[in-house]
């Protein structure tokens, strides 16, 4: 089970990935987490990546691909993996396919969690975060239900920021849907339903 996870920010991809990891023991590989882990471990690739991150520039595709290959060689990825946040565009998808081929691996499915833009804006702009413990709740939470701390709206949960993130997704990442569809690897689920209903559909689409 080697999966690329697709979907706009706030579509619920991470939640579905966590459920797959818990049930099937595959590795959930988020690009951000992978970069942070490599930097923390001070691996040669991590040191290289840190120099770009410290300069505030994007880590080059070539370096990300090398990090992905390094991560996929780890023991926990041998049962399968879920790539979350990578590839971000068609060029990265082609480079990923080439890299996987050298490792004797391939993508089995590109899973698209599909949610309409207006639903995502409403969903994310309704989020509130606790200043004290980081708990994520909704606008209905006047105080944090976990620690009674003050709840606030993060800048990236404001409607204008969300719309910008969705515009970037449409321009850069949405073309990946066509790329994987052409290769017969695209599986699509409606993410605007209860989490467990979506998960049942995910398993059905993946033949699990």
Foldseek 3Di string as FASTA:
>chain_A
DAEEEAEAPQLCRVVLQVVCCVVQQAAEDELVVLLVVCLVVVDVLNVVCVVCVVVVHHDDLVSSLVSVLVVCVDPSNPSYYYYYHPPFAPVSVVVNQVSQVVVVHHHQAYEYAYEDLVVSLVSLLQWKAFPPPGDIDGVVPCADPVPRGHIHRDPCSHSVNSVVSRVSSVVGRVVVQVVCVVVVRYDYFHSPDPPVVRSVSVCVSVVD
